[in-house]
Amino acid sequence: MNMLIAGRAIAGCGGCGVATMVQLILIDLLPLRKRATYMSYMSFTSTLAVVAGPLIGGAIADHWVWRWCFYINIPICAVIGLVCIVSIRLEKQVGTAREKLARIDFAGAFLLLTGLVLLILALNWGGKSFAWKSAAVIVTLVLSIILLGLFIYVENSYAKEPIIPMRMFTSRMLTPALISQFFLGAGITFTVLYLPVYFTVVHNASSTTAGLYMLPYL
């Protein structure tokens, strides 16, 4: 179980990187007139994966070896990676490796990651592993708030190319879009994560049946 948890943590980091970087890569490679078209392709495949993932994973878990829920990604990623290597032609970037590394916001990434991890730990521990008034929960929550506050300060004051430019939140058009996207993503994530568990635990459905129940997401 510890190995499974560690693997899922690594996969989660990779998944977040892919979800973010794919959009940035599209913006960087494509002219403005083509971005909406390719963004729609990405949205379609993401929606399809949300539905097909539980269905295919449930079928594999019920009728085969559950480890193939993870192994199945290897040949798919290998083929896609090969296609990207062969087909994408990137312009040579100016600057040395040291200069490129200096542009990365390591401090902001560390503060954001650590602050969010501590926040999630505090929210998960509270009322379960520890009481809400326990020292473990309070200290973890306070540390997360401090680190996230430091993150905002670093992004505003020191980062040359911040992960989250704080000036975005001064836009009257962009800020409402970001807030609505946050709640939309939270709702979708909670539903996708917990509905299959609800179907299997409460209604005693098989993994395949739980995946079928997710089909209305299409």
N, C-alpha and C. Protein backbone atom coordinates (compact mmCIF):
# COMPACT_ATOMS: atom_id res chain seq x y z
N MET A 1 0.81 -1.20 0.00
CA MET A 1 0.00 0.00 0.00
C MET A 1 0.86 1.27 0.00
N ASN A 2 1.97 1.23 0.77
CA ASN A 2 2.86 2.40 0.78
C ASN A 2 3.44 2.68 -0.60
N MET A 3 3.80 1.62 -1.31
CA MET A 3 4.32 1.78 -2.67
C MET A 3 3.25 2.33 -3.60
N LEU A 4 2.00 1.87 -3.43
CA LEU A 4 0.90 2.37 -4.25
C LEU A 4 0.67 3.86 -4.00
N ILE A 5 0.69 4.25 -2.73
CA ILE A 5 0.50 5.66 -2.39
C ILE A 5 1.62 6.52 -2.97
N ALA A 6 2.86 6.04 -2.83
CA ALA A 6 3.99 6.79 -3.38
C ALA A 6 3.89 6.91 -4.90
N GLY A 7 3.50 5.81 -5.54
CA GLY A 7 3.34 5.84 -7.00
C GLY A 7 2.26 6.80 -7.44
N ARG A 8 1.16 6.81 -6.71
CA ARG A 8 0.07 7.72 -7.06
C ARG A 8 0.47 9.18 -6.84
N ALA A 9 1.30 9.41 -5.82
CA ALA A 9 1.78 10.78 -5.58
C ALA A 9 2.64 11.25 -6.75
N ILE A 10 3.54 10.37 -7.22
CA ILE A 10 4.38 10.72 -8.36
C ILE A 10 3.54 10.91 -9.62
N ALA A 11 2.57 10.00 -9.81
CA ALA A 11 1.69 10.12 -10.97
C ALA A 11 0.87 11.40 -10.91
N GLY A 12 0.45 11.79 -9.70
CA GLY A 12 -0.31 13.03 -9.55
C GLY A 12 0.51 14.25 -9.95
N CYS A 13 1.78 14.26 -9.54
CA CYS A 13 2.66 15.38 -9.93
C CYS A 13 2.82 15.43 -11.45
N GLY A 14 3.02 14.25 -12.04
CA GLY A 14 3.15 14.21 -13.49
C GLY A 14 1.87 14.62 -14.20
N GLY A 15 0.73 14.17 -13.67
CA GLY A 15 -0.55 14.54 -14.28
C GLY A 15 -0.80 16.03 -14.23
N CYS A 16 -0.47 16.64 -13.09
CA CYS A 16 -0.63 18.09 -12.98
C CYS A 16 0.28 18.82 -13.95
N GLY A 17 1.51 18.31 -14.09
CA GLY A 17 2.43 18.94 -15.04
C GLY A 17 1.94 18.84 -16.46
N VAL A 18 1.42 17.67 -16.82
CA VAL A 18 0.89 17.48 -18.18
C VAL A 18 -0.31 18.40 -18.41
N ALA A 19 -1.23 18.42 -17.46
CA ALA A 19 -2.45 19.24 -17.63
C ALA A 19 -2.12 20.71 -17.82
N THR A 20 -1.08 21.18 -17.14
CA THR A 20 -0.70 22.58 -17.24
C THR A 20 0.17 22.85 -18.47
N MET A 21 1.19 22.01 -18.67
CA MET A 21 2.16 22.28 -19.71
C MET A 21 1.61 22.10 -21.11
N VAL A 22 0.64 21.19 -21.29
CA VAL A 22 0.07 21.00 -22.62
C VAL A 22 -0.54 22.30 -23.13
N GLN A 23 -1.26 23.00 -22.26
CA GLN A 23 -1.86 24.26 -22.68
C GLN A 23 -0.80 25.31 -22.99
N LEU A 24 0.23 25.36 -22.16
CA LEU A 24 1.31 26.33 -22.40
C LEU A 24 2.06 26.02 -23.68
N ILE A 25 2.29 24.74 -23.94
CA ILE A 25 2.99 24.35 -25.17
C ILE A 25 2.17 24.71 -26.40
N LEU A 26 0.85 24.46 -26.33
CA LEU A 26 -0.01 24.83 -27.45
C LEU A 26 0.03 26.34 -27.71
N ILE A 27 -0.03 27.11 -26.65
CA ILE A 27 0.02 28.57 -26.80
C ILE A 27 1.35 29.01 -27.39
N ASP A 28 2.43 28.32 -26.99
CA ASP A 28 3.76 28.70 -27.46
C ASP A 28 3.99 28.31 -28.91
N LEU A 29 3.42 27.18 -29.35
CA LEU A 29 3.69 26.66 -30.69
C LEU A 29 2.74 27.17 -31.75
N LEU A 30 1.51 27.49 -31.36
CA LEU A 30 0.48 27.78 -32.35
C LEU A 30 0.22 29.28 -32.48
N PRO A 31 -0.12 29.73 -33.68
CA PRO A 31 -0.57 31.13 -33.83
C PRO A 31 -1.94 31.31 -33.19
N LEU A 32 -2.30 32.54 -32.95
CA LEU A 32 -3.53 32.84 -32.22
C LEU A 32 -4.77 32.25 -32.89
N ARG A 33 -4.81 32.28 -34.21
CA ARG A 33 -6.02 31.84 -34.93
C ARG A 33 -6.27 30.34 -34.82
N LYS A 34 -5.23 29.55 -34.46
CA LYS A 34 -5.38 28.10 -34.36
C LYS A 34 -5.54 27.61 -32.93
N ARG A 35 -5.31 28.46 -31.96
CA ARG A 35 -5.29 28.00 -30.57
C ARG A 35 -6.64 27.46 -30.11
N ALA A 36 -7.72 28.16 -30.46
CA ALA A 36 -9.05 27.72 -30.01
C ALA A 36 -9.38 26.33 -30.55
N THR A 37 -9.00 26.07 -31.79
CA THR A 37 -9.29 24.76 -32.39
C THR A 37 -8.59 23.64 -31.65
N TYR A 38 -7.30 23.83 -31.40
CA TYR A 38 -6.53 22.77 -30.73
C TYR A 38 -6.89 22.67 -29.25
N MET A 39 -7.28 23.77 -28.64
CA MET A 39 -7.75 23.72 -27.26
C MET A 39 -9.04 22.90 -27.16
N SER A 40 -9.90 23.02 -28.18
CA SER A 40 -11.13 22.22 -28.17
C SER A 40 -10.82 20.74 -28.32
N TYR A 41 -9.78 20.40 -29.13
CA TYR A 41 -9.36 19.00 -29.22
C TYR A 41 -8.92 18.48 -27.86
N MET A 42 -8.15 19.30 -27.16
CA MET A 42 -7.65 18.90 -25.85
C MET A 42 -8.79 18.73 -24.86
N SER A 43 -9.76 19.64 -24.89
CA SER A 43 -10.90 19.54 -23.98
C SER A 43 -11.71 18.28 -24.26
N PHE A 44 -11.86 17.96 -25.54
CA PHE A 44 -12.61 16.75 -25.91
C PHE A 44 -11.92 15.50 -25.39
N THR A 45 -10.61 15.40 -25.61
CA THR A 45 -9.89 14.21 -25.15
C THR A 45 -9.87 14.12 -23.63
N SER A 46 -9.80 15.27 -22.95
CA SER A 46 -9.82 15.26 -21.48
C SER A 46 -11.16 14.76 -20.97
N THR A 47 -12.25 15.24 -21.58
CA THR A 47 -13.58 14.79 -21.18
C THR A 47 -13.76 13.30 -21.46
N LEU A 48 -13.27 12.86 -22.60
CA LEU A 48 -13.36 11.44 -22.95
C LEU A 48 -12.58 10.58 -21.96
N ALA A 49 -11.42 11.09 -21.53
CA ALA A 49 -10.59 10.33 -20.58
C ALA A 49 -11.26 10.24 -19.22
N VAL A 50 -11.95 11.31 -18.81
CA VAL A 50 -12.65 11.28 -17.52
C VAL A 50 -13.68 10.17 -17.47
N VAL A 51 -14.34 9.93 -18.60
CA VAL A 51 -15.37 8.89 -18.66
C VAL A 51 -14.76 7.52 -18.95
N ALA A 52 -13.85 7.47 -19.92
CA ALA A 52 -13.28 6.18 -20.33
C ALA A 52 -12.35 5.61 -19.27
N GLY A 53 -11.68 6.48 -18.50
CA GLY A 53 -10.75 6.01 -17.49
C GLY A 53 -11.39 5.09 -16.46
N PRO A 54 -12.44 5.54 -15.77
CA PRO A 54 -13.09 4.64 -14.80
C PRO A 54 -13.69 3.39 -15.44
N LEU A 55 -14.20 3.53 -16.68
CA LEU A 55 -14.82 2.38 -17.34
C LEU A 55 -13.77 1.33 -17.69
N ILE A 56 -12.69 1.76 -18.34
CA ILE A 56 -11.64 0.82 -18.73
C ILE A 56 -10.91 0.30 -17.48
N GLY A 57 -10.63 1.20 -16.54
CA GLY A 57 -9.96 0.77 -15.31
C GLY A 57 -10.79 -0.21 -14.51
N GLY A 58 -12.10 0.03 -14.45
CA GLY A 58 -12.98 -0.90 -13.75
C GLY A 58 -13.01 -2.27 -14.40
N ALA A 59 -13.07 -2.28 -15.74
CA ALA A 59 -13.08 -3.56 -16.44
C ALA A 59 -11.77 -4.33 -16.22
N ILE A 60 -10.65 -3.60 -16.24
CA ILE A 60 -9.35 -4.25 -16.01
C ILE A 60 -9.28 -4.80 -14.59
N ALA A 61 -9.75 -4.01 -13.61
CA ALA A 61 -9.69 -4.45 -12.21
C ALA A 61 -10.58 -5.66 -11.96
N ASP A 62 -11.72 -5.72 -12.64
CA ASP A 62 -12.66 -6.83 -12.43
C ASP A 62 -12.24 -8.10 -13.15
N HIS A 63 -11.70 -7.96 -14.35
CA HIS A 63 -11.50 -9.14 -15.20
C HIS A 63 -10.04 -9.43 -15.50
N TRP A 64 -9.12 -8.61 -15.03
CA TRP A 64 -7.71 -8.83 -15.32
C TRP A 64 -6.91 -8.51 -14.07
N VAL A 65 -5.71 -8.00 -14.23
CA VAL A 65 -4.85 -7.64 -13.12
C VAL A 65 -4.90 -6.12 -12.94
N TRP A 66 -5.20 -5.65 -11.73
CA TRP A 66 -5.39 -4.23 -11.51
C TRP A 66 -4.15 -3.41 -11.83
N ARG A 67 -2.97 -4.03 -11.80
CA ARG A 67 -1.73 -3.30 -12.10
C ARG A 67 -1.72 -2.76 -13.52
N TRP A 68 -2.49 -3.40 -14.40
CA TRP A 68 -2.53 -2.93 -15.78
C TRP A 68 -3.29 -1.62 -15.92
N CYS A 69 -3.97 -1.19 -14.87
CA CYS A 69 -4.55 0.16 -14.88
C CYS A 69 -3.44 1.21 -14.98
N PHE A 70 -2.24 0.84 -14.52
CA PHE A 70 -1.08 1.73 -14.59
C PHE A 70 -0.18 1.37 -15.77
N TYR A 71 0.02 0.06 -16.01
CA TYR A 71 0.90 -0.35 -17.10
C TYR A 71 0.38 0.10 -18.46
N ILE A 72 -0.93 0.23 -18.59
CA ILE A 72 -1.52 0.56 -19.89
C ILE A 72 -1.07 1.93 -20.39
N ASN A 73 -0.63 2.79 -19.46
CA ASN A 73 -0.16 4.11 -19.86
C ASN A 73 1.19 4.07 -20.56
N ILE A 74 1.99 3.05 -20.29
CA ILE A 74 3.36 3.01 -20.82
C ILE A 74 3.38 2.95 -22.35
N PRO A 75 2.70 1.99 -23.02
CA PRO A 75 2.76 1.98 -24.49
C PRO A 75 2.11 3.21 -25.12
N ILE A 76 1.03 3.70 -24.50
CA ILE A 76 0.36 4.89 -25.05
C ILE A 76 1.30 6.08 -25.01
N CYS A 77 1.93 6.31 -23.86
CA CYS A 77 2.84 7.45 -23.72
C CYS A 77 4.07 7.28 -24.61
N ALA A 78 4.54 6.05 -24.78
CA ALA A 78 5.70 5.81 -25.64
C ALA A 78 5.40 6.18 -27.08
N VAL A 79 4.23 5.78 -27.57
CA VAL A 79 3.85 6.10 -28.95
C VAL A 79 3.67 7.60 -29.13
N ILE A 80 2.96 8.23 -28.20
CA ILE A 80 2.73 9.68 -28.30
C ILE A 80 4.06 10.44 -28.19
N GLY A 81 4.93 10.00 -27.28
CA GLY A 81 6.23 10.65 -27.15
C GLY A 81 7.05 10.55 -28.42
N LEU A 82 7.03 9.38 -29.07
CA LEU A 82 7.76 9.20 -30.32
C LEU A 82 7.21 10.10 -31.42
N VAL A 83 5.88 10.19 -31.50
CA VAL A 83 5.26 11.07 -32.49
C VAL A 83 5.66 12.53 -32.26
N CYS A 84 5.68 12.95 -31.00
CA CYS A 84 6.07 14.33 -30.68
C CYS A 84 7.52 14.60 -31.06
N ILE A 85 8.41 13.64 -30.76
CA ILE A 85 9.82 13.81 -31.09
C ILE A 85 10.03 13.95 -32.59
N VAL A 86 9.30 13.15 -33.35
CA VAL A 86 9.48 13.15 -34.80
C VAL A 86 8.83 14.36 -35.46
N SER A 87 7.66 14.77 -34.98
CA SER A 87 6.87 15.76 -35.71
C SER A 87 7.08 17.20 -35.26
N ILE A 88 7.43 17.42 -34.00
CA ILE A 88 7.53 18.80 -33.50
C ILE A 88 8.94 19.34 -33.74
N ARG A 89 9.00 20.49 -34.37
CA ARG A 89 10.25 21.16 -34.63
C ARG A 89 10.31 22.43 -33.79
N LEU A 90 11.20 22.46 -32.84
CA LEU A 90 11.30 23.59 -31.94
C LEU A 90 12.43 24.52 -32.36
N GLU A 91 12.20 25.81 -32.17
CA GLU A 91 13.25 26.78 -32.44
C GLU A 91 14.31 26.70 -31.34
N LYS A 92 15.55 26.91 -31.74
CA LYS A 92 16.64 26.86 -30.77
C LYS A 92 16.55 28.05 -29.83
N GLN A 93 16.56 27.77 -28.54
CA GLN A 93 16.44 28.82 -27.54
C GLN A 93 17.79 29.49 -27.29
N VAL A 94 17.73 30.81 -27.13
CA VAL A 94 18.94 31.57 -26.88
C VAL A 94 19.29 31.51 -25.40
N GLY A 95 20.57 31.37 -25.08
CA GLY A 95 21.00 31.38 -23.69
C GLY A 95 21.60 30.05 -23.26
N THR A 96 22.41 30.11 -22.23
CA THR A 96 23.05 28.91 -21.70
C THR A 96 22.09 28.17 -20.77
N ALA A 97 22.47 26.95 -20.40
CA ALA A 97 21.64 26.16 -19.49
C ALA A 97 21.52 26.86 -18.14
N ARG A 98 22.59 27.49 -17.69
CA ARG A 98 22.56 28.20 -16.41
C ARG A 98 21.55 29.35 -16.45
N GLU A 99 21.54 30.07 -17.57
CA GLU A 99 20.60 31.19 -17.71
C GLU A 99 19.15 30.70 -17.76
N LYS A 100 18.94 29.58 -18.41
CA LYS A 100 17.58 29.04 -18.47
C LYS A 100 17.11 28.56 -17.11
N LEU A 101 18.01 27.93 -16.36
CA LEU A 101 17.65 27.47 -15.02
C LEU A 101 17.38 28.64 -14.09
N ALA A 102 18.11 29.74 -14.29
CA ALA A 102 17.92 30.91 -13.43
C ALA A 102 16.55 31.52 -13.60
N ARG A 103 15.90 31.27 -14.73
CA ARG A 103 14.57 31.83 -14.98
C ARG A 103 13.47 31.05 -14.27
N ILE A 104 13.78 29.84 -13.83
CA ILE A 104 12.77 29.01 -13.18
C ILE A 104 12.54 29.49 -11.75
N ASP A 105 11.29 29.57 -11.39
CA ASP A 105 10.91 30.07 -10.06
C ASP A 105 10.93 28.92 -9.06
N PHE A 106 12.14 28.48 -8.66
CA PHE A 106 12.27 27.36 -7.73
C PHE A 106 11.69 27.70 -6.36
N ALA A 107 11.96 28.92 -5.88
CA ALA A 107 11.46 29.31 -4.56
C ALA A 107 9.94 29.32 -4.53
N GLY A 108 9.33 29.89 -5.57
CA GLY A 108 7.88 29.91 -5.63
C GLY A 108 7.29 28.52 -5.72
N ALA A 109 7.92 27.65 -6.51
CA ALA A 109 7.43 26.27 -6.65
C ALA A 109 7.50 25.54 -5.32
N PHE A 110 8.62 25.71 -4.59
CA PHE A 110 8.78 25.04 -3.30
C PHE A 110 7.74 25.53 -2.29
N LEU A 111 7.57 26.85 -2.20
CA LEU A 111 6.63 27.40 -1.23
C LEU A 111 5.19 27.00 -1.55
N LEU A 112 4.83 27.04 -2.84
CA LEU A 112 3.47 26.67 -3.23
C LEU A 112 3.21 25.20 -2.96
N LEU A 113 4.13 24.34 -3.37
CA LEU A 113 3.95 22.90 -3.18
C LEU A 113 3.88 22.53 -1.71
N THR A 114 4.83 23.06 -0.92
CA THR A 114 4.86 22.74 0.51
C THR A 114 3.63 23.28 1.22
N GLY A 115 3.24 24.51 0.90
CA GLY A 115 2.07 25.10 1.53
C GLY A 115 0.79 24.33 1.23
N LEU A 116 0.63 23.90 -0.01
CA LEU A 116 -0.58 23.15 -0.39
C LEU A 116 -0.58 21.76 0.24
N VAL A 117 0.59 21.11 0.28
CA VAL A 117 0.66 19.79 0.90
C VAL A 117 0.28 19.86 2.38
N LEU A 118 0.81 20.86 3.09
CA LEU A 118 0.47 21.01 4.51
C LEU A 118 -1.00 21.35 4.69
N LEU A 119 -1.55 22.16 3.81
CA LEU A 119 -2.98 22.50 3.90
C LEU A 119 -3.85 21.26 3.71
N ILE A 120 -3.51 20.44 2.72
CA ILE A 120 -4.27 19.22 2.47
C ILE A 120 -4.14 18.25 3.63
N LEU A 121 -2.93 18.14 4.19
CA LEU A 121 -2.73 17.28 5.35
C LEU A 121 -3.60 17.73 6.53
N ALA A 122 -3.61 19.04 6.79
CA ALA A 122 -4.41 19.55 7.92
C ALA A 122 -5.89 19.25 7.71
N LEU A 123 -6.39 19.46 6.50
CA LEU A 123 -7.81 19.23 6.23
C LEU A 123 -8.15 17.75 6.28
N ASN A 124 -7.20 16.90 5.90
CA ASN A 124 -7.45 15.45 5.96
C ASN A 124 -7.34 14.90 7.37
N TRP A 125 -6.42 15.45 8.16
CA TRP A 125 -6.24 14.98 9.53
C TRP A 125 -7.37 15.42 10.45
N GLY A 126 -7.89 16.64 10.22
CA GLY A 126 -8.88 17.20 11.12
C GLY A 126 -10.15 16.37 11.21
N GLY A 127 -10.50 15.96 12.43
CA GLY A 127 -11.71 15.18 12.65
C GLY A 127 -11.57 13.71 12.32
N LYS A 128 -10.41 13.29 11.81
CA LYS A 128 -10.19 11.87 11.47
C LYS A 128 -9.04 11.31 12.28
N SER A 129 -7.82 11.64 11.84
CA SER A 129 -6.65 11.15 12.57
C SER A 129 -6.43 11.91 13.87
N PHE A 130 -6.75 13.22 13.84
CA PHE A 130 -6.57 14.08 15.01
C PHE A 130 -7.80 14.97 15.17
N ALA A 131 -8.00 15.45 16.37
CA ALA A 131 -9.08 16.41 16.61
C ALA A 131 -8.72 17.74 15.95
N TRP A 132 -9.75 18.54 15.60
CA TRP A 132 -9.49 19.81 14.94
C TRP A 132 -8.68 20.76 15.84
N LYS A 133 -8.82 20.61 17.15
CA LYS A 133 -8.09 21.48 18.07
C LYS A 133 -6.73 20.91 18.47
N SER A 134 -6.33 19.80 17.89
CA SER A 134 -5.06 19.19 18.25
C SER A 134 -3.90 20.02 17.71
N ALA A 135 -2.74 19.84 18.35
CA ALA A 135 -1.55 20.60 17.95
C ALA A 135 -1.13 20.25 16.52
N ALA A 136 -1.26 18.98 16.14
CA ALA A 136 -0.83 18.56 14.80
C ALA A 136 -1.59 19.29 13.72
N VAL A 137 -2.91 19.39 13.87
CA VAL A 137 -3.73 20.06 12.87
C VAL A 137 -3.48 21.56 12.87
N ILE A 138 -3.45 22.17 14.05
CA ILE A 138 -3.28 23.62 14.15
C ILE A 138 -1.92 24.05 13.61
N VAL A 139 -0.85 23.35 14.03
CA VAL A 139 0.49 23.71 13.57
C VAL A 139 0.61 23.54 12.05
N THR A 140 0.09 22.44 11.53
CA THR A 140 0.15 22.19 10.09
C THR A 140 -0.61 23.25 9.32
N LEU A 141 -1.78 23.62 9.83
CA LEU A 141 -2.59 24.64 9.17
C LEU A 141 -1.91 26.00 9.20
N VAL A 142 -1.34 26.36 10.34
CA VAL A 142 -0.65 27.65 10.47
C VAL A 142 0.57 27.71 9.55
N LEU A 143 1.34 26.62 9.51
CA LEU A 143 2.50 26.58 8.64
C LEU A 143 2.11 26.72 7.16
N SER A 144 1.00 26.08 6.79
CA SER A 144 0.55 26.19 5.39
C SER A 144 0.17 27.62 5.05
N ILE A 145 -0.50 28.30 5.98
CA ILE A 145 -0.89 29.69 5.74
C ILE A 145 0.35 30.58 5.61
N ILE A 146 1.34 30.35 6.49
CA ILE A 146 2.59 31.13 6.43
C ILE A 146 3.31 30.91 5.11
N LEU A 147 3.44 29.67 4.70
CA LEU A 147 4.15 29.36 3.45
C LEU A 147 3.42 29.91 2.23
N LEU A 148 2.11 29.83 2.22
CA LEU A 148 1.35 30.38 1.10
C LEU A 148 1.44 31.91 1.08
N GLY A 149 1.48 32.52 2.28
CA GLY A 149 1.69 33.96 2.34
C GLY A 149 3.06 34.35 1.82
N LEU A 150 4.10 33.57 2.18
CA LEU A 150 5.45 33.80 1.66
C LEU A 150 5.49 33.61 0.14
N PHE A 151 4.73 32.65 -0.33
CA PHE A 151 4.66 32.42 -1.78
C PHE A 151 4.15 33.67 -2.50
N ILE A 152 3.07 34.25 -1.99
CA ILE A 152 2.52 35.46 -2.60
C ILE A 152 3.55 36.59 -2.57
N TYR A 153 4.26 36.72 -1.44
CA TYR A 153 5.27 37.77 -1.30
C TYR A 153 6.41 37.57 -2.30
N VAL A 154 6.90 36.33 -2.43
CA VAL A 154 7.99 36.05 -3.35
C VAL A 154 7.57 36.29 -4.79
N GLU A 155 6.35 35.88 -5.13
CA GLU A 155 5.87 36.08 -6.50
C GLU A 155 5.75 37.57 -6.83
N ASN A 156 5.36 38.35 -5.84
CA ASN A 156 5.21 39.80 -6.06
C ASN A 156 6.54 40.54 -6.10
N SER A 157 7.51 40.09 -5.31
CA SER A 157 8.70 40.91 -5.06
C SER A 157 9.97 40.40 -5.73
N TYR A 158 10.16 39.08 -5.85
CA TYR A 158 11.46 38.57 -6.23
C TYR A 158 11.47 37.76 -7.53
N ALA A 159 10.42 37.02 -7.80
CA ALA A 159 10.44 36.11 -8.94
C ALA A 159 10.49 36.88 -10.26
N LYS A 160 11.48 36.54 -11.10
CA LYS A 160 11.59 37.18 -12.40
C LYS A 160 10.50 36.69 -13.34
N GLU A 161 10.24 35.40 -13.29
CA GLU A 161 9.16 34.80 -14.08
C GLU A 161 8.31 33.95 -13.14
N PRO A 162 7.41 34.58 -12.39
CA PRO A 162 6.66 33.86 -11.35
C PRO A 162 5.75 32.78 -11.91
N ILE A 163 5.56 31.74 -11.10
CA ILE A 163 4.63 30.67 -11.48
C ILE A 163 3.22 31.23 -11.64
N ILE A 164 2.80 32.04 -10.68
CA ILE A 164 1.48 32.68 -10.73
C ILE A 164 1.69 34.19 -10.62
N PRO A 165 1.71 34.89 -11.73
CA PRO A 165 1.86 36.35 -11.66
C PRO A 165 0.67 36.98 -10.94
N MET A 166 0.93 37.67 -9.86
CA MET A 166 -0.14 38.24 -9.05
C MET A 166 -0.91 39.34 -9.78
N ARG A 167 -0.29 39.89 -10.83
CA ARG A 167 -0.98 40.95 -11.57
C ARG A 167 -2.22 40.42 -12.30
N MET A 168 -2.29 39.09 -12.47
CA MET A 168 -3.47 38.52 -13.11
C MET A 168 -4.74 38.85 -12.33
N PHE A 169 -4.61 38.90 -11.01
CA PHE A 169 -5.79 39.08 -10.16
C PHE A 169 -6.26 40.53 -10.10
N THR A 170 -5.55 41.43 -10.79
CA THR A 170 -5.99 42.82 -10.87
C THR A 170 -6.88 43.06 -12.08
N SER A 171 -7.00 42.06 -12.95
CA SER A 171 -7.82 42.20 -14.15
C SER A 171 -9.28 41.91 -13.82
N ARG A 172 -10.17 42.82 -14.19
CA ARG A 172 -11.59 42.63 -13.94
C ARG A 172 -12.20 41.54 -14.81
N MET A 173 -11.57 41.26 -15.93
CA MET A 173 -12.07 40.21 -16.81
C MET A 173 -11.50 38.84 -16.43
N LEU A 174 -10.22 38.80 -16.05
CA LEU A 174 -9.56 37.53 -15.80
C LEU A 174 -9.90 36.95 -14.43
N THR A 175 -10.01 37.80 -13.42
CA THR A 175 -10.24 37.31 -12.06
C THR A 175 -11.54 36.52 -11.93
N PRO A 176 -12.69 37.02 -12.41
CA PRO A 176 -13.92 36.20 -12.34
C PRO A 176 -13.79 34.88 -13.09
N ALA A 177 -13.07 34.89 -14.22
CA ALA A 177 -12.88 33.65 -14.98
C ALA A 177 -12.05 32.65 -14.18
N LEU A 178 -11.02 33.13 -13.50
CA LEU A 178 -10.19 32.24 -12.68
C LEU A 178 -10.98 31.65 -11.51
N ILE A 179 -11.80 32.49 -10.88
CA ILE A 179 -12.59 32.03 -9.74
C ILE A 179 -13.61 30.97 -10.18
N SER A 180 -14.30 31.26 -11.29
CA SER A 180 -15.29 30.29 -11.78
C SER A 180 -14.62 28.99 -12.22
N GLN A 181 -13.44 29.09 -12.84
CA GLN A 181 -12.72 27.89 -13.26
C GLN A 181 -12.28 27.07 -12.05
N PHE A 182 -11.89 27.75 -10.98
CA PHE A 182 -11.49 27.06 -9.75
C PHE A 182 -12.64 26.21 -9.20
N PHE A 183 -13.82 26.82 -9.07
CA PHE A 183 -14.96 26.07 -8.51
C PHE A 183 -15.45 25.01 -9.48
N LEU A 184 -15.38 25.28 -10.78
CA LEU A 184 -15.76 24.27 -11.76
C LEU A 184 -14.84 23.06 -11.67
N GLY A 185 -13.52 23.32 -11.63
CA GLY A 185 -12.56 22.23 -11.52
C GLY A 185 -12.71 21.45 -10.22
N ALA A 186 -12.98 22.18 -9.12
CA ALA A 186 -13.17 21.50 -7.83
C ALA A 186 -14.38 20.57 -7.88
N GLY A 187 -15.47 21.05 -8.46
CA GLY A 187 -16.68 20.22 -8.56
C GLY A 187 -16.46 18.98 -9.40
N ILE A 188 -15.80 19.16 -10.53
CA ILE A 188 -15.55 18.01 -11.41
C ILE A 188 -14.61 17.01 -10.74
N THR A 189 -13.56 17.53 -10.10
CA THR A 189 -12.59 16.64 -9.45
C THR A 189 -13.23 15.83 -8.33
N PHE A 190 -14.01 16.49 -7.48
CA PHE A 190 -14.67 15.78 -6.39
C PHE A 190 -15.61 14.70 -6.93
N THR A 191 -16.34 15.05 -7.98
CA THR A 191 -17.31 14.10 -8.54
C THR A 191 -16.60 12.89 -9.13
N VAL A 192 -15.56 13.14 -9.92
CA VAL A 192 -14.85 12.05 -10.58
C VAL A 192 -14.16 11.14 -9.56
N LEU A 193 -13.65 11.72 -8.48
CA LEU A 193 -12.94 10.93 -7.48
C LEU A 193 -13.87 10.11 -6.59
N TYR A 194 -14.97 10.73 -6.17
CA TYR A 194 -15.77 10.11 -5.12
C TYR A 194 -17.00 9.36 -5.64
N LEU A 195 -17.50 9.67 -6.82
CA LEU A 195 -18.67 8.94 -7.32
C LEU A 195 -18.38 7.44 -7.51
N PRO A 196 -17.25 7.06 -8.13
CA PRO A 196 -16.98 5.62 -8.25
C PRO A 196 -16.88 4.93 -6.88
N VAL A 197 -16.28 5.61 -5.90
CA VAL A 197 -16.20 5.05 -4.55
C VAL A 197 -17.60 4.91 -3.95
N TYR A 198 -18.44 5.90 -4.16
CA TYR A 198 -19.81 5.86 -3.65
C TYR A 198 -20.57 4.68 -4.27
N PHE A 199 -20.42 4.49 -5.57
CA PHE A 199 -21.13 3.40 -6.23
C PHE A 199 -20.67 2.03 -5.73
N THR A 200 -19.36 1.88 -5.54
CA THR A 200 -18.83 0.57 -5.15
C THR A 200 -19.06 0.27 -3.67
N VAL A 201 -18.97 1.29 -2.82
CA VAL A 201 -19.09 1.06 -1.37
C VAL A 201 -20.55 1.08 -0.92
N VAL A 202 -21.30 2.09 -1.33
CA VAL A 202 -22.68 2.25 -0.86
C VAL A 202 -23.62 1.32 -1.61
N HIS A 203 -23.48 1.26 -2.94
CA HIS A 203 -24.40 0.45 -3.74
C HIS A 203 -23.83 -0.92 -4.10
N ASN A 204 -22.64 -1.23 -3.61
CA ASN A 204 -22.02 -2.54 -3.83
C ASN A 204 -21.90 -2.88 -5.31
N ALA A 205 -21.63 -1.87 -6.13
CA ALA A 205 -21.47 -2.09 -7.56
C ALA A 205 -20.05 -2.57 -7.85
N SER A 206 -19.90 -3.28 -8.94
CA SER A 206 -18.56 -3.69 -9.36
C SER A 206 -17.82 -2.48 -9.94
N SER A 207 -16.53 -2.64 -10.13
CA SER A 207 -15.75 -1.54 -10.69
C SER A 207 -16.19 -1.21 -12.11
N THR A 208 -16.55 -2.23 -12.88
CA THR A 208 -17.03 -2.00 -14.24
C THR A 208 -18.35 -1.25 -14.23
N THR A 209 -19.26 -1.65 -13.35
CA THR A 209 -20.57 -0.98 -13.25
C THR A 209 -20.40 0.47 -12.80
N ALA A 210 -19.50 0.70 -11.86
CA ALA A 210 -19.24 2.07 -11.43
C ALA A 210 -18.73 2.92 -12.59
N GLY A 211 -17.89 2.32 -13.44
CA GLY A 211 -17.42 3.03 -14.63
C GLY A 211 -18.56 3.33 -15.59
N LEU A 212 -19.50 2.39 -15.74
CA LEU A 212 -20.66 2.62 -16.61
C LEU A 212 -21.53 3.75 -16.08
N TYR A 213 -21.65 3.85 -14.77
CA TYR A 213 -22.44 4.93 -14.18
C TYR A 213 -21.84 6.31 -14.47
N MET A 214 -20.55 6.35 -14.85
CA MET A 214 -19.91 7.63 -15.15
C MET A 214 -20.14 8.07 -16.59
N LEU A 215 -20.77 7.24 -17.41
CA LEU A 215 -20.99 7.57 -18.82
C LEU A 215 -21.79 8.86 -19.04
N PRO A 216 -22.76 9.21 -18.18
CA PRO A 216 -23.47 10.48 -18.41
C PRO A 216 -22.57 11.71 -18.46
N TYR A 217 -21.32 11.59 -18.01
CA TYR A 217 -20.39 12.72 -18.09
C TYR A 217 -20.11 13.11 -19.54
N LEU A 218 -20.31 12.17 -20.47
CA LEU A 218 -20.14 12.50 -21.88
C LEU A 218 -21.16 13.56 -22.32
